[in-house]
Amino acid sequence: MQSAIECVGVHKYFGPVHANCDIHLNVAAGSIHGIVGENGAGKSTLMSILYGYYEASAGTLRIKGQAVKIASPADAIRLGIGMVHQHFMLIETFSVLENILLGSEGGPLLAPGRTAMRAKLTEFADRYGLAVDPDARIADLGVGMRQRVEILKALMRGANILILDEPTAVLTPDEADSLFIMLRRLRDEGKTILMITHKLREIIELTDHVSVMRRGRMVGHFTTAQTNMDELAKAMVGRPIALDRHKPPCKAGRVILDVRDLVVRNAQGKTCVDHVSFQLREGEIIGLAGVAGNGQSEVLQALAGMCDIETGTINLDGQELDLNHMDPRRMRAKGLMHVPEDRHHHGLVMNFDAYESAILGFHRDAMYGRGLLDRSAMRSALAQDMEAYDIRPRNPQLRTRNFSGGNQQKIVLSREIEREPKVLLIGQPTRGVDVGAIEFIHNRLLHLREEGKAILLVSVELDEIIALSDRILVMCDGRIIGERTGLQTDIQDLGLLMGGVNERVA
């Protein structure tokens, strides 16, 4: 088959860091090609070279057999390459049409370009089955629809090669299924899809070929139909990975967190948590499952002191909390730690050095000097955590934004877990995290459980909910509508509950 993309001996240096080393890659035209590897393996660097964010330090790039120079995204777009980023590049206050029009206005007068672009948008939406309201404001759209806008924007700029970076990281299972249908349709029409993902099930289900990167090098190329998840996982990390975990029986102790009739309203006054009640015991993991937007995120935020609670009672470690005086600082002081769902907005400051992000919320601790921060102690503390949590690179003074997503997540995890929580609230613990880090994080959470810590878990990954949870509470429309144990349920059963059907699957 004709090659859509070829990388021949590609290298990329960032000072002394050899991020991509002698990369050879051949992507067949009209195929879906997966790129997998650990966090920090060099996948995003390679995709950034293909899209013109970086220039290769050495090597050759070929598009459809022709050697090319890609010095900017404009060069990539001209060559028919489009990219959909994990964190969407859309202006939230603009409409769908205005976002797509940006950079393609067609002249100083916007009206003719707007009219032409509206007609073109309708044509492409119908052609590819990507229906979207041109006048809808981006801020009012869900993540699945925003991703659709990004894909349309790339296609309308002439993309025949589409690079997708972690395309299902923030999608619900139904949204992911819809995306896969869309991508297969694009492939069948001759488009080439290059997809970075950490989810090996998606690789097996969706791709035609897969390439594996490890520590900046390309270490394997596979025909997907002739490989399996175990082989890919081993290639990614260089050792066998336990994808199926068998946790010991739960030894639940006393009730540590007792929540009764919790009611939370959002900024628009809508009830998003509607009289939710549950008890969490020491040595127990409770999973909150539900389609995004059904209240499970707001439960975590309310308990962490991040949003106002209208009514209800919360008893933590035998003490009833004053709902009018709950904030993250007070909750941490009471032994309740929180790993937020959105690490970029609520867990880290991306422009801080890593050692500064690693003490957020704990900067008043005596070990950091109280008044004047003891930066030497801060760097030393993170250096120890970097060893314990395998955070790469081992550089406490590197900017937070320069770590891969999985290593950013480990910085947040180490910060919260190392404070010996009585209760750990954790949202989306493995979002955007590679298979080796998933194994590490799951083992760490199960170890906490064995130590008698109580964990409240929110995850869109139903496999993760089932594997880790002793009890699973399913939320729909702000209410808990069903309870299961990991041994009693499966994805189909939970899916029905999440849709409001409180009947067990036969």
Protein backbone atom coordinates (compact mmCIF):
# COMPACT_ATOMS: atom_id res chain seq x y z
CA MET A 1 0.00 0.00 0.00
CA GLN A 2 1.08 3.61 -0.57
CA SER A 3 2.65 5.32 2.42
CA ALA A 4 0.90 8.39 3.79
CA ILE A 5 3.70 9.24 6.23
CA GLU A 6 7.28 8.07 6.56
CA CYS A 7 9.80 9.00 9.23
CA VAL A 8 13.35 7.97 8.41
CA GLY A 9 16.00 8.29 11.10
CA VAL A 10 14.25 11.14 12.91
CA HIS A 11 15.98 12.60 15.98
CA LYS A 12 14.89 15.40 18.29
CA TYR A 13 17.03 17.01 21.00
CA PHE A 14 15.95 19.45 23.70
CA GLY A 15 19.35 20.49 24.99
CA PRO A 16 20.86 17.33 26.50
CA VAL A 17 17.53 15.45 26.36
CA HIS A 18 17.26 13.05 23.40
CA ALA A 19 13.45 12.99 23.12
CA ASN A 20 13.25 11.09 19.80
CA CYS A 21 16.09 8.76 18.82
CA ASP A 22 16.41 7.32 15.28
CA ILE A 23 12.67 7.02 14.66
CA HIS A 24 11.57 4.92 11.68
CA LEU A 25 7.83 4.85 10.98
CA ASN A 26 5.73 3.97 7.94
CA VAL A 27 1.99 4.72 8.03
CA ALA A 28 -0.08 3.22 5.22
CA ALA A 29 -2.52 5.52 3.42
CA GLY A 30 -6.17 4.86 4.23
CA SER A 31 -5.42 3.11 7.54
CA ILE A 32 -5.85 3.71 11.26
CA HIS A 33 -2.40 3.51 12.86
CA GLY A 34 -1.95 3.55 16.63
CA ILE A 35 1.07 4.92 18.49
CA VAL A 36 1.44 3.65 22.07
CA GLY A 37 4.06 3.98 24.75
CA GLU A 38 4.64 5.03 28.33
CA ASN A 39 4.21 8.64 29.43
CA GLY A 40 7.34 10.43 28.33
CA ALA A 41 8.17 7.85 25.63
CA GLY A 42 8.32 10.57 22.96
CA LYS A 43 4.95 10.04 21.25
CA SER A 44 3.73 13.62 21.56
CA THR A 45 7.15 14.96 20.52
CA LEU A 46 6.99 12.89 17.32
CA MET A 47 3.44 14.04 16.57
CA SER A 48 4.51 17.64 17.22
CA ILE A 49 7.27 17.20 14.63
CA LEU A 50 4.74 15.88 12.11
CA TYR A 51 2.45 18.85 12.78
CA GLY A 52 5.20 21.46 12.72
CA TYR A 53 5.33 22.51 16.37
CA TYR A 54 8.92 21.27 16.47
CA GLU A 55 11.48 20.74 13.75
CA ALA A 56 13.39 17.45 13.74
CA SER A 57 17.05 17.78 14.74
CA ALA A 58 17.93 15.18 12.09
CA GLY A 59 16.22 12.73 9.73
CA THR A 60 13.75 12.82 6.86
CA LEU A 61 9.97 13.20 6.70
CA ARG A 62 8.04 12.02 3.65
CA ILE A 63 4.40 12.62 2.80
CA LYS A 64 3.07 10.30 0.07
CA GLY A 65 6.65 9.40 -0.84
CA GLN A 66 7.91 12.99 -1.19
CA ALA A 67 10.50 14.41 1.18
CA VAL A 68 9.06 17.48 2.92
CA LYS A 69 10.08 20.16 5.39
CA ILE A 70 7.51 20.88 8.08
CA ALA A 71 8.60 24.01 9.93
CA SER A 72 5.20 25.17 11.21
CA PRO A 73 1.57 24.05 11.54
CA ALA A 74 0.86 26.10 8.42
CA ASP A 75 3.24 23.82 6.49
CA ALA A 76 1.50 20.76 7.93
CA ILE A 77 -1.96 22.05 6.98
CA ARG A 78 -0.72 22.84 3.48
CA LEU A 79 0.48 19.22 3.21
CA GLY A 80 -2.92 17.89 4.27
CA ILE A 81 -2.13 17.12 7.92
CA GLY A 82 -4.62 18.02 10.66
CA MET A 83 -4.32 17.51 14.41
CA VAL A 84 -6.92 17.19 17.16
CA HIS A 85 -5.31 17.83 20.53
CA GLN A 86 -6.24 16.17 23.81
CA HIS A 87 -6.98 19.63 25.24
CA PHE A 88 -9.10 21.26 22.56
CA MET A 89 -7.86 24.42 20.85
CA LEU A 90 -11.20 26.22 20.73
CA ILE A 91 -12.29 29.68 21.91
CA GLU A 92 -15.15 28.96 24.29
CA THR A 93 -16.94 32.29 23.88
CA PHE A 94 -17.05 31.92 20.09
CA SER A 95 -19.61 29.93 18.13
CA VAL A 96 -18.81 26.75 16.20
CA LEU A 97 -18.80 28.70 12.94
CA GLU A 98 -16.53 31.44 14.33
CA ASN A 99 -14.00 28.89 15.57
CA ILE A 100 -13.87 27.16 12.20
CA LEU A 101 -13.61 30.52 10.41
CA LEU A 102 -10.51 31.56 12.40
CA GLY A 103 -7.53 31.71 10.08
CA SER A 104 -9.73 31.18 7.02
CA GLU A 105 -11.69 34.44 6.99
CA GLY A 106 -11.30 34.94 3.22
CA GLY A 107 -10.62 38.67 3.32
CA PRO A 108 -11.09 41.81 5.39
CA LEU A 109 -14.90 41.65 5.17
CA LEU A 110 -16.19 38.80 7.31
CA ALA A 111 -19.72 38.52 5.91
CA PRO A 112 -18.86 36.80 2.57
CA GLY A 113 -16.41 34.42 4.27
CA ARG A 114 -18.92 33.61 7.00
CA THR A 115 -21.63 32.78 4.45
CA ALA A 116 -19.31 30.59 2.40
CA MET A 117 -17.97 28.83 5.50
CA ARG A 118 -21.49 28.13 6.80
CA ALA A 119 -22.38 26.40 3.51
CA LYS A 120 -19.11 24.44 3.56
CA LEU A 121 -19.66 23.42 7.19
CA THR A 122 -23.12 22.08 6.38
CA GLU A 123 -21.70 20.15 3.43
CA PHE A 124 -18.90 18.54 5.44
CA ALA A 125 -21.14 17.78 8.43
CA ASP A 126 -23.58 15.94 6.16
CA ARG A 127 -20.83 14.18 4.22
CA TYR A 128 -19.06 12.77 7.28
CA GLY A 129 -22.02 12.36 9.61
CA LEU A 130 -20.73 15.07 11.97
CA ALA A 131 -23.89 17.06 12.61
CA VAL A 132 -23.29 20.21 14.68
CA ASP A 133 -25.12 23.51 15.18
CA PRO A 134 -22.98 26.25 13.53
CA ASP A 135 -24.36 28.91 15.88
CA ALA A 136 -23.89 26.98 19.12
CA ARG A 137 -21.43 28.55 21.56
CA ILE A 138 -18.48 26.28 22.33
CA ALA A 139 -18.90 26.84 26.07
CA ASP A 140 -22.37 25.29 25.86
CA LEU A 141 -21.19 22.09 24.12
CA GLY A 142 -20.17 18.82 25.74
CA VAL A 143 -16.70 17.39 25.19
CA GLY A 144 -17.90 14.92 22.56
CA MET A 145 -19.38 17.70 20.45
CA ARG A 146 -16.30 19.91 20.93
CA GLN A 147 -14.15 17.10 19.61
CA ARG A 148 -16.47 16.83 16.62
CA VAL A 149 -15.89 20.54 15.93
CA GLU A 150 -12.11 20.02 16.05
CA ILE A 151 -12.33 17.14 13.58
CA LEU A 152 -14.55 19.17 11.25
CA LYS A 153 -12.14 22.10 11.44
CA ALA A 154 -9.26 19.85 10.35
CA LEU A 155 -11.23 18.21 7.54
CA MET A 156 -12.46 21.55 6.21
CA ARG A 157 -8.86 22.73 5.96
CA GLY A 158 -8.12 19.83 3.62
CA ALA A 159 -6.71 17.23 6.01
CA ASN A 160 -6.17 13.80 4.50
CA ILE A 161 -4.00 12.77 7.45
CA LEU A 162 -5.58 13.24 10.88
CA ILE A 163 -3.51 13.04 14.08
CA LEU A 164 -5.55 12.40 17.24
CA ASP A 165 -3.92 12.80 20.67
CA GLU A 166 -5.71 10.75 23.35
CA PRO A 167 -9.08 11.19 21.60
CA THR A 168 -11.16 9.32 24.20
CA ALA A 169 -9.47 10.63 27.36
CA VAL A 170 -12.49 12.77 28.30
CA LEU A 171 -15.27 10.90 26.47
CA THR A 172 -17.99 8.70 27.91
CA PRO A 173 -18.20 5.11 26.58
CA ASP A 174 -21.10 6.07 24.28
CA GLU A 175 -19.18 9.10 22.95
CA ALA A 176 -16.13 6.90 22.35
CA ASP A 177 -18.25 4.40 20.39
CA SER A 178 -19.61 7.24 18.24
CA LEU A 179 -16.06 8.49 17.63
CA PHE A 180 -14.93 5.03 16.49
CA ILE A 181 -17.79 4.81 14.00
CA MET A 182 -16.77 8.22 12.66
CA LEU A 183 -13.08 7.29 12.37
CA ARG A 184 -13.83 4.04 10.54
CA ARG A 185 -15.97 6.01 8.12
CA LEU A 186 -13.14 8.47 7.49
CA ARG A 187 -10.71 5.59 6.92
CA ASP A 188 -13.10 3.94 4.49
CA GLU A 189 -13.22 7.20 2.54
CA GLY A 190 -9.44 7.16 2.19
CA LYS A 191 -8.34 9.31 5.13
CA THR A 192 -5.33 8.25 7.19
CA ILE A 193 -5.73 8.32 10.97
CA LEU A 194 -2.74 8.43 13.33
CA MET A 195 -3.88 7.95 16.92
CA ILE A 196 -2.04 8.26 20.22
CA THR A 197 -3.80 6.45 23.05
CA HIS A 198 -2.96 4.67 26.30
CA LYS A 199 -6.02 2.43 26.07
CA LEU A 200 -4.91 -0.89 24.65
CA ARG A 201 -8.47 -2.15 24.25
CA GLU A 202 -9.09 0.74 21.86
CA ILE A 203 -5.95 -0.13 19.92
CA ILE A 204 -7.10 -3.73 19.48
CA GLU A 205 -10.65 -2.70 18.61
CA LEU A 206 -9.96 0.17 16.22
CA THR A 207 -6.54 0.16 14.56
CA ASP A 208 -5.10 -1.66 11.56
CA HIS A 209 -1.47 -1.28 12.67
CA VAL A 210 0.25 -0.18 15.87
CA SER A 211 3.76 1.07 16.66
CA VAL A 212 5.28 1.04 20.15
CA MET A 213 7.67 3.66 21.56
CA ARG A 214 9.80 3.32 24.67
CA ARG A 215 12.16 5.97 26.08
CA GLY A 216 12.32 7.94 22.85
CA ARG A 217 12.84 4.98 20.52
CA MET A 218 10.52 3.02 18.25
CA VAL A 219 10.74 -0.55 19.60
CA GLY A 220 8.11 -2.44 17.62
CA HIS A 221 5.61 -2.41 14.77
CA PHE A 222 2.64 -4.76 14.78
CA THR A 223 -0.31 -5.70 12.60
CA THR A 224 -3.13 -5.30 15.10
CA ALA A 225 -4.96 -8.48 14.12
CA GLN A 226 -1.80 -10.46 14.90
CA THR A 227 -1.05 -9.08 18.37
CA ASN A 228 -2.76 -8.73 21.77
CA MET A 229 -2.82 -6.43 24.77
CA ASP A 230 -0.30 -8.46 26.78
CA GLU A 231 2.27 -8.33 23.97
CA LEU A 232 1.76 -4.59 23.47
CA ALA A 233 1.97 -3.85 27.19
CA LYS A 234 5.23 -5.78 27.50
CA ALA A 235 6.68 -3.92 24.49
CA MET A 236 5.68 -0.58 26.03
CA VAL A 237 7.38 -1.03 29.41
CA GLY A 238 9.94 -3.76 28.69
CA ARG A 239 8.44 -6.24 31.15
CA PRO A 240 5.19 -8.20 31.63
CA ILE A 241 2.29 -6.13 32.97
CA ALA A 242 -0.52 -7.50 35.15
CA LEU A 243 -3.57 -6.18 33.27
CA ASP A 244 -5.96 -8.26 35.40
CA ARG A 245 -5.63 -7.64 39.13
CA HIS A 246 -7.02 -9.81 41.90
CA LYS A 247 -7.40 -7.80 45.07
CA PRO A 248 -7.69 -9.48 48.48
CA PRO A 249 -11.09 -9.48 50.23
CA CYS A 250 -12.20 -6.20 51.77
CA LYS A 251 -11.60 -5.85 55.52
CA ALA A 252 -13.84 -2.86 56.09
CA GLY A 253 -13.54 -1.23 59.49
CA ARG A 254 -15.50 1.52 61.17
CA VAL A 255 -17.41 4.20 59.30
CA ILE A 256 -15.02 7.10 58.64
CA LEU A 257 -17.24 9.20 56.32
CA ASP A 258 -21.03 9.38 56.72
CA VAL A 259 -22.90 11.51 54.16
CA ARG A 260 -26.64 12.09 54.57
CA ASP A 261 -29.08 13.82 52.17
CA LEU A 262 -26.40 15.85 50.41
CA VAL A 263 -27.86 18.51 48.08
CA VAL A 264 -25.71 20.64 45.77
CA ARG A 265 -26.82 23.13 43.13
CA ASN A 266 -24.69 24.41 40.27
CA ALA A 267 -24.13 28.06 39.32
CA GLN A 268 -27.35 28.06 37.28
CA GLY A 269 -29.39 26.87 40.27
CA LYS A 270 -29.95 23.34 38.95
CA THR A 271 -29.80 20.52 41.48
CA CYS A 272 -26.83 18.36 40.46
CA VAL A 273 -26.58 16.32 43.69
CA ASP A 274 -30.03 15.33 44.89
CA HIS A 275 -30.24 13.93 48.45
CA VAL A 276 -27.24 11.60 48.15
CA SER A 277 -26.45 9.40 51.15
CA PHE A 278 -23.73 6.80 51.72
CA GLN A 279 -21.23 5.54 54.28
CA LEU A 280 -17.54 4.91 53.58
CA ARG A 281 -15.56 2.62 55.89
CA GLU A 282 -11.89 2.32 56.68
CA GLY A 283 -10.17 -0.16 54.36
CA GLU A 284 -12.86 0.23 51.69
CA ILE A 285 -12.96 1.62 48.16
CA ILE A 286 -16.30 2.95 46.95
CA GLY A 287 -16.62 3.72 43.26
CA LEU A 288 -19.04 6.37 42.00
CA ALA A 289 -20.09 5.47 38.46
CA GLY A 290 -22.26 7.41 36.06
CA VAL A 291 -22.36 9.16 32.73
CA ALA A 292 -20.48 12.46 32.94
CA GLY A 293 -22.73 15.24 34.24
CA ASN A 294 -24.85 13.13 36.57
CA GLY A 295 -23.48 14.48 39.84
CA GLN A 296 -20.53 12.27 40.74
CA SER A 297 -17.99 15.05 40.07
CA GLU A 298 -19.98 17.47 42.24
CA VAL A 299 -20.03 14.95 45.11
CA LEU A 300 -16.23 14.93 45.11
CA GLN A 301 -16.01 18.71 44.86
CA ALA A 302 -18.53 19.21 47.68
CA LEU A 303 -16.71 16.83 50.03
CA ALA A 304 -13.38 18.49 49.18
CA GLY A 305 -14.79 21.91 50.11
CA MET A 306 -14.64 23.23 46.55
CA CYS A 307 -18.32 24.13 46.17
CA ASP A 308 -21.23 25.20 48.35
CA ILE A 309 -23.54 22.61 49.87
CA GLU A 310 -27.20 23.56 50.15
CA THR A 311 -28.33 20.97 52.70
CA GLY A 312 -27.28 17.68 54.23
CA THR A 313 -24.98 16.39 56.95
CA ILE A 314 -21.40 15.16 56.68
CA ASN A 315 -19.71 13.30 59.52
CA LEU A 316 -15.94 12.79 59.15
CA ASP A 317 -14.13 10.59 61.66
CA GLY A 318 -16.91 10.99 64.22
CA GLN A 319 -17.20 14.77 63.86
CA GLU A 320 -20.10 16.52 62.16
CA LEU A 321 -18.81 19.20 59.82
CA ASP A 322 -20.09 22.76 59.63
CA LEU A 323 -21.25 23.02 56.00
CA ASN A 324 -20.78 26.79 56.08
CA HIS A 325 -17.07 26.46 56.89
CA MET A 326 -15.83 23.79 54.51
CA ASP A 327 -12.91 24.64 52.27
CA PRO A 328 -9.99 22.58 50.88
CA ARG A 329 -7.58 23.79 53.56
CA ARG A 330 -9.87 22.82 56.44
CA MET A 331 -10.71 19.47 54.85
CA ARG A 332 -7.03 18.61 54.42
CA ALA A 333 -6.40 19.52 58.05
CA LYS A 334 -9.07 16.97 58.99
CA GLY A 335 -7.34 14.22 56.98
CA LEU A 336 -9.39 14.35 53.78
CA MET A 337 -7.13 14.58 50.71
CA HIS A 338 -8.26 15.15 47.15
CA VAL A 339 -6.88 14.16 43.73
CA PRO A 340 -9.05 16.29 41.41
CA GLU A 341 -10.43 15.10 38.10
CA ASP A 342 -8.88 17.98 36.17
CA ARG A 343 -5.24 18.08 37.23
CA HIS A 344 -4.45 21.07 35.01
CA HIS A 345 -7.08 23.41 36.44
CA HIS A 346 -7.47 22.14 40.01
CA GLY A 347 -4.37 20.09 40.83
CA LEU A 348 -1.34 21.89 39.46
CA VAL A 349 -0.03 25.29 38.37
CA MET A 350 1.47 24.54 34.99
CA ASN A 351 3.93 27.45 35.03
CA PHE A 352 5.28 26.53 38.48
CA ASP A 353 8.37 24.39 38.89
CA ALA A 354 7.41 20.82 39.82
CA TYR A 355 8.61 21.20 43.42
CA GLU A 356 6.27 24.19 43.81
CA SER A 357 3.25 22.31 42.41
CA ALA A 358 4.15 19.43 44.72
CA ILE A 359 3.31 21.42 47.89
CA LEU A 360 0.11 23.15 46.74
CA GLY A 361 -2.30 23.13 49.66
CA PHE A 362 0.47 22.17 52.08
CA HIS A 363 2.69 25.23 51.78
CA ARG A 364 1.99 26.19 55.40
CA ASP A 365 3.49 22.94 56.72
CA ALA A 366 6.33 23.48 59.16
CA MET A 367 8.77 21.49 57.01
CA TYR A 368 8.50 24.15 54.31
CA GLY A 369 9.38 27.02 56.63
CA ARG A 370 5.89 28.45 57.35
CA GLY A 371 6.56 32.13 56.60
CA LEU A 372 9.43 31.97 54.12
CA LEU A 373 9.41 28.84 52.00
CA ASP A 374 12.36 26.50 52.42
CA ARG A 375 12.89 25.72 48.76
CA SER A 376 15.72 23.31 49.46
CA ALA A 377 13.39 21.21 51.64
CA MET A 378 10.69 21.41 48.95
CA ARG A 379 13.06 20.15 46.26
CA SER A 380 14.37 17.40 48.52
CA ALA A 381 10.84 16.21 49.37
CA LEU A 382 9.83 15.97 45.72
CA ALA A 383 13.10 14.24 44.81
CA GLN A 384 12.19 11.47 47.28
CA ASP A 385 8.66 11.22 45.88
CA MET A 386 10.03 11.10 42.34
CA GLU A 387 11.95 7.95 43.27
CA ALA A 388 9.03 6.37 45.13
CA TYR A 389 6.49 7.14 42.39
CA ASP A 390 8.81 6.76 39.38
CA ILE A 391 8.19 10.34 38.22
CA ARG A 392 10.22 11.09 35.09
CA PRO A 393 12.40 13.00 34.51
CA ARG A 394 13.85 13.17 38.01
CA ASN A 395 14.11 16.95 37.98
CA PRO A 396 12.16 18.82 40.72
CA GLN A 397 13.04 22.15 39.08
CA LEU A 398 11.54 21.32 35.69
CA ARG A 399 8.40 23.30 34.85
CA THR A 400 5.23 21.35 35.63
CA ARG A 401 3.97 21.76 32.06
CA ASN A 402 7.07 19.99 30.72
CA PHE A 403 6.15 16.68 32.35
CA SER A 404 3.95 14.24 30.46
CA GLY A 405 0.34 13.86 31.59
CA GLY A 406 0.99 10.64 33.47
CA ASN A 407 3.94 12.10 35.35
CA GLN A 408 1.91 15.21 36.21
CA GLN A 409 -0.71 12.87 37.65
CA LYS A 410 1.93 11.12 39.76
CA ILE A 411 3.03 14.50 41.18
CA VAL A 412 -0.56 15.11 42.36
CA LEU A 413 -0.92 11.55 43.69
CA SER A 414 2.33 11.68 45.63
CA ARG A 415 1.38 15.05 47.15
CA GLU A 416 -1.98 13.80 48.45
CA ILE A 417 -1.14 10.18 49.35
CA GLU A 418 2.08 10.92 51.24
CA ARG A 419 0.10 13.04 53.76
CA GLU A 420 -1.42 9.85 55.24
CA PRO A 421 -5.08 10.59 54.43
CA LYS A 422 -7.92 9.22 56.50
CA VAL A 423 -10.09 9.60 53.40
CA LEU A 424 -8.81 9.96 49.85
CA LEU A 425 -11.11 11.47 47.22
CA ILE A 426 -9.78 10.61 43.79
CA GLY A 427 -11.21 11.59 40.40
CA GLN A 428 -10.15 9.97 37.11
CA PRO A 429 -6.91 8.53 38.57
CA THR A 430 -5.63 7.13 35.26
CA ARG A 431 -6.92 9.64 32.70
CA GLY A 432 -4.25 10.03 30.01
CA VAL A 433 -1.94 7.58 31.82
CA ASP A 434 0.02 4.72 30.22
CA VAL A 435 -0.44 1.05 31.06
CA GLY A 436 2.66 0.87 33.27
CA ALA A 437 1.55 3.89 35.29
CA ILE A 438 -1.99 2.47 35.52
CA GLU A 439 -0.56 -0.67 37.11
CA PHE A 440 1.45 1.46 39.55
CA ILE A 441 -1.50 3.70 40.50
CA HIS A 442 -3.90 0.78 40.97
CA ASN A 443 -1.39 -1.07 43.15
CA ARG A 444 -0.82 2.08 45.21
CA LEU A 445 -4.56 2.53 45.80
CA LEU A 446 -4.99 -1.12 46.79
CA HIS A 447 -2.03 -0.78 49.16
CA LEU A 448 -3.74 2.20 50.81
CA ARG A 449 -6.87 0.10 51.15
CA GLU A 450 -4.85 -2.64 52.87
CA GLU A 451 -3.49 -0.02 55.28
CA GLY A 452 -7.05 0.83 56.28
CA LYS A 453 -7.44 4.05 54.31
CA ALA A 454 -10.87 4.89 52.89
CA ILE A 455 -11.11 5.83 49.21
CA LEU A 456 -13.94 7.41 47.22
CA LEU A 457 -13.25 6.91 43.51
CA VAL A 458 -14.80 8.56 40.45
CA SER A 459 -13.82 7.21 37.03
CA VAL A 460 -15.31 7.03 33.55
CA GLU A 461 -13.38 3.77 33.05
CA LEU A 462 -15.87 1.11 34.07
CA ASP A 463 -13.18 -1.59 33.99
CA GLU A 464 -11.29 0.47 36.57
CA ILE A 465 -14.37 0.98 38.74
CA ILE A 466 -15.08 -2.77 38.74
CA ALA A 467 -11.45 -3.78 39.34
CA LEU A 468 -10.83 -1.45 42.29
CA SER A 469 -14.16 -0.95 44.06
CA ASP A 470 -15.54 -2.99 46.93
CA ARG A 471 -18.89 -1.28 46.41
CA ILE A 472 -20.11 0.64 43.37
CA LEU A 473 -22.73 3.39 43.67
CA VAL A 474 -24.29 4.36 40.34
CA MET A 475 -25.57 7.91 39.87
CA CYS A 476 -28.17 9.15 37.41
CA ASP A 477 -29.69 12.65 37.39
CA GLY A 478 -27.93 13.52 40.65
CA ARG A 479 -29.25 10.55 42.59
CA ILE A 480 -27.80 7.18 43.60
CA ILE A 481 -30.06 4.72 41.79
CA GLY A 482 -28.28 1.46 42.45
CA GLU A 483 -25.49 -0.30 44.31
CA ARG A 484 -23.32 -3.22 43.21
CA THR A 485 -20.14 -4.98 44.26
CA GLY A 486 -17.33 -5.64 41.83
CA LEU A 487 -18.10 -9.37 41.91
CA GLN A 488 -21.81 -8.83 41.23
CA THR A 489 -21.64 -6.69 38.13
CA ASP A 490 -20.13 -6.14 34.69
CA ILE A 491 -19.93 -3.29 32.20
CA GLN A 492 -23.28 -4.10 30.60
CA ASP A 493 -25.06 -4.12 33.96
CA LEU A 494 -23.45 -0.84 35.03
CA GLY A 495 -24.24 0.69 31.65
CA LEU A 496 -27.94 -0.03 32.11
CA LEU A 497 -27.87 1.45 35.62
CA MET A 498 -26.09 4.56 34.33
CA GLY A 499 -28.90 4.96 31.82
CA GLY A 500 -31.51 4.79 34.59
CA VAL A 501 -32.52 1.14 34.17
CA ASN A 502 -32.37 -0.41 37.64
CA GLU A 503 -32.65 -4.01 36.52
CA ARG A 504 -29.97 -6.66 36.60
CA VAL A 505 -28.81 -8.19 33.34
CA ALA A 506 -29.93 -11.80 33.09
